[in-house]
Amino acid sequence: MRTVEAARRERLRWRKLWRERRALSLAAQRGTPIVKCIRANLMLPWLVERCQCRVLLVIRHPAPVVESRLRLGHRGAWDPEPVLNRYRQDECLHQLTRDRYREILSRPLGRVEALTLNWVIENQWPIEYARKAGVAVTFYEHLRASHHEWQRIVGAMDLDRAPSADLLAKPSQQASEGTAHVTSDGHVPSWKRRLTAEQLESIQRILDETGFGVYDTGDAMPRVDARSCGATQVTGRAQ
């Protein structure tokens, strides 16, 4: 409450909590919890092995992720440097990835490049390792575009049913209309309008240098099918 901006954010959090209180109360009564964690990608094999969790890895195009973090990264939030510094010193990471990122981590990077490299490190190896680890993979863009993808995920996670069509149509906190893919009428995703040509080039440069061909800044949809990346069936109790 020391600044007007901080007080405003706190007020919005409490308003959101009040609006969602009934749904949250019902969700808290689940016998088996579903946990969302956006910073656990490099822990997925450990979670499967040690905790016997069913894990779903949801991948989203790096460009809108970077754009969002640039836009929301005020007062040090989403600062990529502390994370990159940990990766620079993590010999286990370099061993697992066969020094794939060691050279690029050794040189100065602009903010867009650093955010993109963080995204690549936290998604490239997990995607490659998913099938061996028993992790189901899906792409955010496919979930928004097709109900069939939800049916595949319901089977992989051993859930009773997919979310209702009304719930799926409701935008998430991070999403806005038109951000997922270019429609038949040529609608351009909002992240393409918000990012400059130079920023898009920086993102693509990191994707090319790390050999990450799943996404491209020229295309809003992934270039592979999720079924070719992750396990379609996993074992253990749902979490």
Protein backbone atom coordinates (compact mmCIF):
# COMPACT_ATOMS: atom_id res chain seq x y z
CA MET A 1 0.00 0.00 0.00
CA ARG A 2 3.01 2.31 -0.28
CA THR A 3 2.12 3.43 -3.80
CA VAL A 4 -1.12 4.12 -5.64
CA GLU A 5 -0.19 1.55 -8.28
CA ALA A 6 0.42 -1.18 -5.71
CA ALA A 7 -2.82 -0.37 -3.90
CA ARG A 8 -4.73 -0.54 -7.17
CA ARG A 9 -3.26 -3.98 -7.97
CA GLU A 10 -4.20 -5.25 -4.51
CA ARG A 11 -7.75 -3.94 -4.93
CA LEU A 12 -8.07 -5.75 -8.26
CA ARG A 13 -6.83 -9.01 -6.69
CA TRP A 14 -9.46 -8.84 -3.95
CA ARG A 15 -12.22 -7.98 -6.43
CA LYS A 16 -11.23 -10.98 -8.55
CA LEU A 17 -11.19 -13.23 -5.48
CA TRP A 18 -14.67 -12.03 -4.47
CA ARG A 19 -16.09 -12.63 -7.98
CA GLU A 20 -14.68 -16.15 -8.11
CA ARG A 21 -15.38 -17.15 -4.51
CA ARG A 22 -18.14 -19.65 -5.38
CA ALA A 23 -16.13 -21.39 -8.09
CA LEU A 24 -13.09 -21.51 -5.84
CA SER A 25 -15.15 -22.97 -3.02
CA LEU A 26 -16.41 -25.75 -5.28
CA ALA A 27 -12.93 -26.41 -6.64
CA ALA A 28 -11.57 -26.74 -3.09
CA GLN A 29 -13.92 -29.68 -2.53
CA ARG A 30 -12.27 -31.85 -5.19
CA GLY A 31 -11.02 -35.16 -3.86
CA THR A 32 -8.09 -35.07 -6.28
CA PRO A 33 -6.50 -31.66 -6.88
CA ILE A 34 -5.36 -30.20 -10.18
CA VAL A 35 -2.30 -28.00 -9.75
CA LYS A 36 -1.14 -25.32 -12.19
CA CYS A 37 2.53 -24.38 -11.96
CA ILE A 38 4.11 -22.27 -14.69
CA ARG A 39 7.68 -22.56 -13.39
CA ALA A 40 8.07 -26.33 -13.03
CA ASN A 41 8.87 -27.41 -16.59
CA LEU A 42 12.41 -28.55 -15.79
CA MET A 43 11.05 -30.57 -12.84
CA LEU A 44 8.54 -32.63 -14.80
CA PRO A 45 10.46 -35.96 -14.88
CA TRP A 46 11.08 -35.64 -11.14
CA LEU A 47 7.40 -34.93 -10.44
CA VAL A 48 6.33 -37.96 -12.46
CA GLU A 49 8.87 -40.29 -10.87
CA ARG A 50 8.83 -39.11 -7.26
CA CYS A 51 5.26 -37.84 -6.82
CA GLN A 52 3.49 -40.19 -9.23
CA CYS A 53 1.68 -37.24 -10.80
CA ARG A 54 -0.07 -37.14 -14.12
CA VAL A 55 1.55 -34.19 -15.87
CA LEU A 56 0.36 -32.08 -18.78
CA LEU A 57 2.88 -29.74 -20.38
CA VAL A 58 1.10 -26.82 -22.06
CA ILE A 59 3.27 -24.93 -24.56
CA ARG A 60 2.44 -21.46 -25.88
CA HIS A 61 4.06 -19.54 -28.73
CA PRO A 62 7.15 -17.71 -27.38
CA ALA A 63 6.28 -14.41 -29.06
CA PRO A 64 3.08 -13.68 -27.08
CA VAL A 65 4.80 -14.93 -23.92
CA VAL A 66 7.69 -12.51 -24.45
CA GLU A 67 5.30 -9.68 -25.37
CA SER A 68 3.28 -10.25 -22.21
CA ARG A 69 6.37 -10.25 -20.00
CA LEU A 70 7.67 -7.10 -21.65
CA ARG A 71 4.33 -5.41 -21.05
CA LEU A 72 3.92 -6.63 -17.47
CA GLY A 73 7.55 -6.51 -16.46
CA HIS A 74 7.45 -3.31 -14.42
CA ARG A 75 9.48 -2.85 -11.22
CA GLY A 76 11.69 -5.85 -11.93
CA ALA A 77 8.91 -8.40 -12.44
CA TRP A 78 9.78 -10.95 -15.14
CA ASP A 79 13.39 -9.75 -15.13
CA PRO A 80 15.17 -12.50 -17.14
CA GLU A 81 18.68 -11.88 -15.82
CA PRO A 82 18.41 -13.55 -12.37
CA VAL A 83 17.00 -16.68 -14.03
CA LEU A 84 19.65 -16.66 -16.76
CA ASN A 85 22.36 -16.31 -14.13
CA ARG A 86 21.10 -19.46 -12.43
CA TYR A 87 21.13 -21.30 -15.75
CA ARG A 88 24.65 -20.08 -16.49
CA GLN A 89 25.89 -21.70 -13.30
CA ASP A 90 23.80 -24.88 -13.52
CA GLU A 91 26.17 -27.65 -14.61
CA CYS A 92 23.37 -30.22 -14.41
CA LEU A 93 21.40 -28.25 -17.02
CA HIS A 94 24.43 -28.07 -19.31
CA GLN A 95 25.03 -31.80 -18.92
CA LEU A 96 21.40 -32.70 -19.68
CA THR A 97 21.31 -30.43 -22.73
CA ARG A 98 24.85 -31.32 -23.89
CA ASP A 99 26.03 -27.71 -23.61
CA ARG A 100 23.40 -26.55 -26.07
CA TYR A 101 22.99 -23.21 -24.30
CA ARG A 102 26.43 -22.66 -22.79
CA GLU A 103 27.81 -20.47 -25.58
CA ILE A 104 24.72 -18.29 -25.99
CA LEU A 105 24.50 -17.84 -22.21
CA SER A 106 28.08 -16.63 -22.12
CA ARG A 107 27.43 -13.45 -24.10
CA PRO A 108 25.42 -10.27 -23.41
CA LEU A 109 21.77 -10.46 -24.42
CA GLY A 110 19.13 -7.80 -24.91
CA ARG A 111 15.93 -8.03 -22.87
CA VAL A 112 13.89 -9.61 -25.68
CA GLU A 113 16.66 -12.12 -26.42
CA ALA A 114 17.01 -12.95 -22.73
CA LEU A 115 13.28 -13.50 -22.27
CA THR A 116 13.20 -15.69 -25.38
CA LEU A 117 16.18 -17.74 -24.25
CA ASN A 118 14.54 -18.32 -20.86
CA TRP A 119 11.44 -19.54 -22.68
CA VAL A 120 13.49 -21.87 -24.91
CA ILE A 121 15.43 -23.39 -22.01
CA GLU A 122 12.23 -24.00 -20.07
CA ASN A 123 10.39 -25.60 -23.01
CA GLN A 124 12.79 -27.16 -25.52
CA TRP A 125 14.28 -29.90 -23.35
CA PRO A 126 10.98 -30.73 -21.60
CA ILE A 127 9.29 -31.21 -24.99
CA GLU A 128 12.12 -33.46 -26.19
CA TYR A 129 12.07 -35.50 -22.97
CA ALA A 130 8.29 -35.67 -22.56
CA ARG A 131 7.65 -39.08 -24.09
CA LYS A 132 10.42 -40.74 -22.10
CA ALA A 133 9.22 -39.07 -18.90
CA GLY A 134 5.57 -40.02 -19.41
CA VAL A 135 4.42 -36.41 -19.84
CA ALA A 136 1.50 -35.45 -22.08
CA VAL A 137 2.14 -32.39 -24.28
CA THR A 138 -0.32 -29.98 -25.81
CA PHE A 139 -0.09 -26.60 -27.47
CA TYR A 140 -2.14 -23.67 -26.21
CA GLU A 141 -3.04 -22.72 -29.77
CA HIS A 142 -4.44 -26.19 -30.48
CA LEU A 143 -6.51 -26.09 -27.29
CA ARG A 144 -8.07 -22.82 -28.40
CA ALA A 145 -8.68 -24.00 -31.95
CA SER A 146 -10.02 -27.53 -31.53
CA HIS A 147 -12.28 -29.39 -29.10
CA HIS A 148 -10.70 -32.67 -30.31
CA GLU A 149 -7.45 -31.70 -28.59
CA TRP A 150 -9.33 -31.40 -25.31
CA GLN A 151 -10.67 -34.92 -25.73
CA ARG A 152 -7.13 -36.25 -26.19
CA ILE A 153 -5.96 -34.45 -23.05
CA VAL A 154 -8.94 -35.73 -21.03
CA GLY A 155 -7.88 -39.26 -21.95
CA ALA A 156 -4.22 -38.67 -21.14
CA MET A 157 -5.04 -37.15 -17.75
CA ASP A 158 -7.75 -39.74 -16.94
CA LEU A 159 -10.33 -37.02 -16.29
CA ASP A 160 -14.09 -37.52 -16.35
CA ARG A 161 -14.88 -34.94 -19.03
CA ALA A 162 -13.62 -31.92 -20.92
CA PRO A 163 -14.61 -28.40 -19.83
CA SER A 164 -17.92 -27.16 -21.22
CA ALA A 165 -17.99 -25.24 -24.50
CA ASP A 166 -19.07 -22.08 -22.65
CA LEU A 167 -16.10 -22.32 -20.29
CA LEU A 168 -13.67 -22.96 -23.13
CA ALA A 169 -14.95 -19.89 -24.96
CA LYS A 170 -14.21 -17.69 -21.95
CA PRO A 171 -10.84 -15.93 -22.38
CA SER A 172 -8.17 -16.58 -19.80
CA GLN A 173 -6.53 -13.86 -17.75
CA GLN A 174 -3.60 -13.81 -20.19
CA ALA A 175 -5.56 -14.22 -23.44
CA SER A 176 -7.52 -11.82 -25.56
CA GLU A 177 -9.60 -12.33 -28.66
CA GLY A 178 -7.48 -12.99 -31.72
CA THR A 179 -4.22 -13.82 -29.95
CA ALA A 180 -4.11 -17.50 -30.78
CA HIS A 181 -3.93 -17.71 -34.56
CA VAL A 182 -4.53 -15.89 -37.81
CA THR A 183 -8.12 -16.47 -38.85
CA SER A 184 -9.45 -17.11 -42.34
CA ASP A 185 -10.23 -13.43 -42.78
CA GLY A 186 -6.57 -12.55 -42.23
CA HIS A 187 -6.89 -11.28 -38.65
CA VAL A 188 -3.44 -10.65 -37.19
CA PRO A 189 -2.73 -11.82 -33.61
CA SER A 190 -2.39 -8.97 -31.14
CA TRP A 191 1.20 -9.91 -30.26
CA LYS A 192 2.21 -9.32 -33.89
CA ARG A 193 0.76 -5.86 -33.67
CA ARG A 194 2.39 -5.08 -30.33
CA LEU A 195 5.90 -6.37 -31.05
CA THR A 196 8.15 -4.37 -33.34
CA ALA A 197 9.86 -5.92 -36.36
CA GLU A 198 13.17 -5.69 -34.48
CA GLN A 199 11.73 -7.52 -31.46
CA LEU A 200 10.31 -10.26 -33.68
CA GLU A 201 13.71 -10.62 -35.34
CA SER A 202 15.36 -10.96 -31.92
CA ILE A 203 12.93 -13.71 -30.92
CA GLN A 204 13.44 -15.56 -34.19
CA ARG A 205 17.22 -15.25 -33.90
CA ILE A 206 17.20 -17.06 -30.57
CA LEU A 207 14.83 -19.75 -31.90
CA ASP A 208 17.11 -20.33 -34.90
CA GLU A 209 20.31 -20.37 -32.87
CA THR A 210 18.97 -22.90 -30.39
CA GLY A 211 17.45 -25.06 -33.12
CA PHE A 212 13.91 -24.66 -31.81
CA GLY A 213 11.75 -25.30 -34.86
CA VAL A 214 8.40 -25.92 -33.16
CA TYR A 215 7.48 -22.23 -33.46
CA ASP A 216 8.31 -19.43 -35.85
CA THR A 217 7.50 -15.73 -35.53
CA GLY A 218 6.05 -15.82 -39.04
CA ASP A 219 3.37 -18.33 -38.03
CA ALA A 220 1.07 -18.13 -35.02
CA MET A 221 0.45 -21.89 -34.89
CA PRO A 222 2.95 -24.61 -33.87
CA ARG A 223 4.61 -26.52 -36.68
CA VAL A 224 4.24 -29.97 -35.12
CA ASP A 225 1.46 -32.12 -33.72
CA ALA A 226 1.51 -32.48 -29.94
CA ARG A 227 1.06 -36.24 -30.28
CA SER A 228 4.53 -36.47 -31.80
CA CYS A 229 6.05 -34.86 -28.69
CA GLY A 230 4.41 -36.21 -25.58
CA ALA A 231 3.00 -39.42 -24.21
CA THR A 232 -0.66 -40.02 -25.01
CA GLN A 233 -1.08 -42.16 -21.89
CA VAL A 234 0.60 -41.67 -18.53
CA THR A 235 0.55 -43.58 -15.28
CA GLY A 236 0.07 -42.67 -11.65
CA ARG A 237 -2.54 -40.73 -9.75
CA ALA A 238 -3.93 -37.46 -11.12
CA GLN A 239 -2.68 -34.21 -9.57
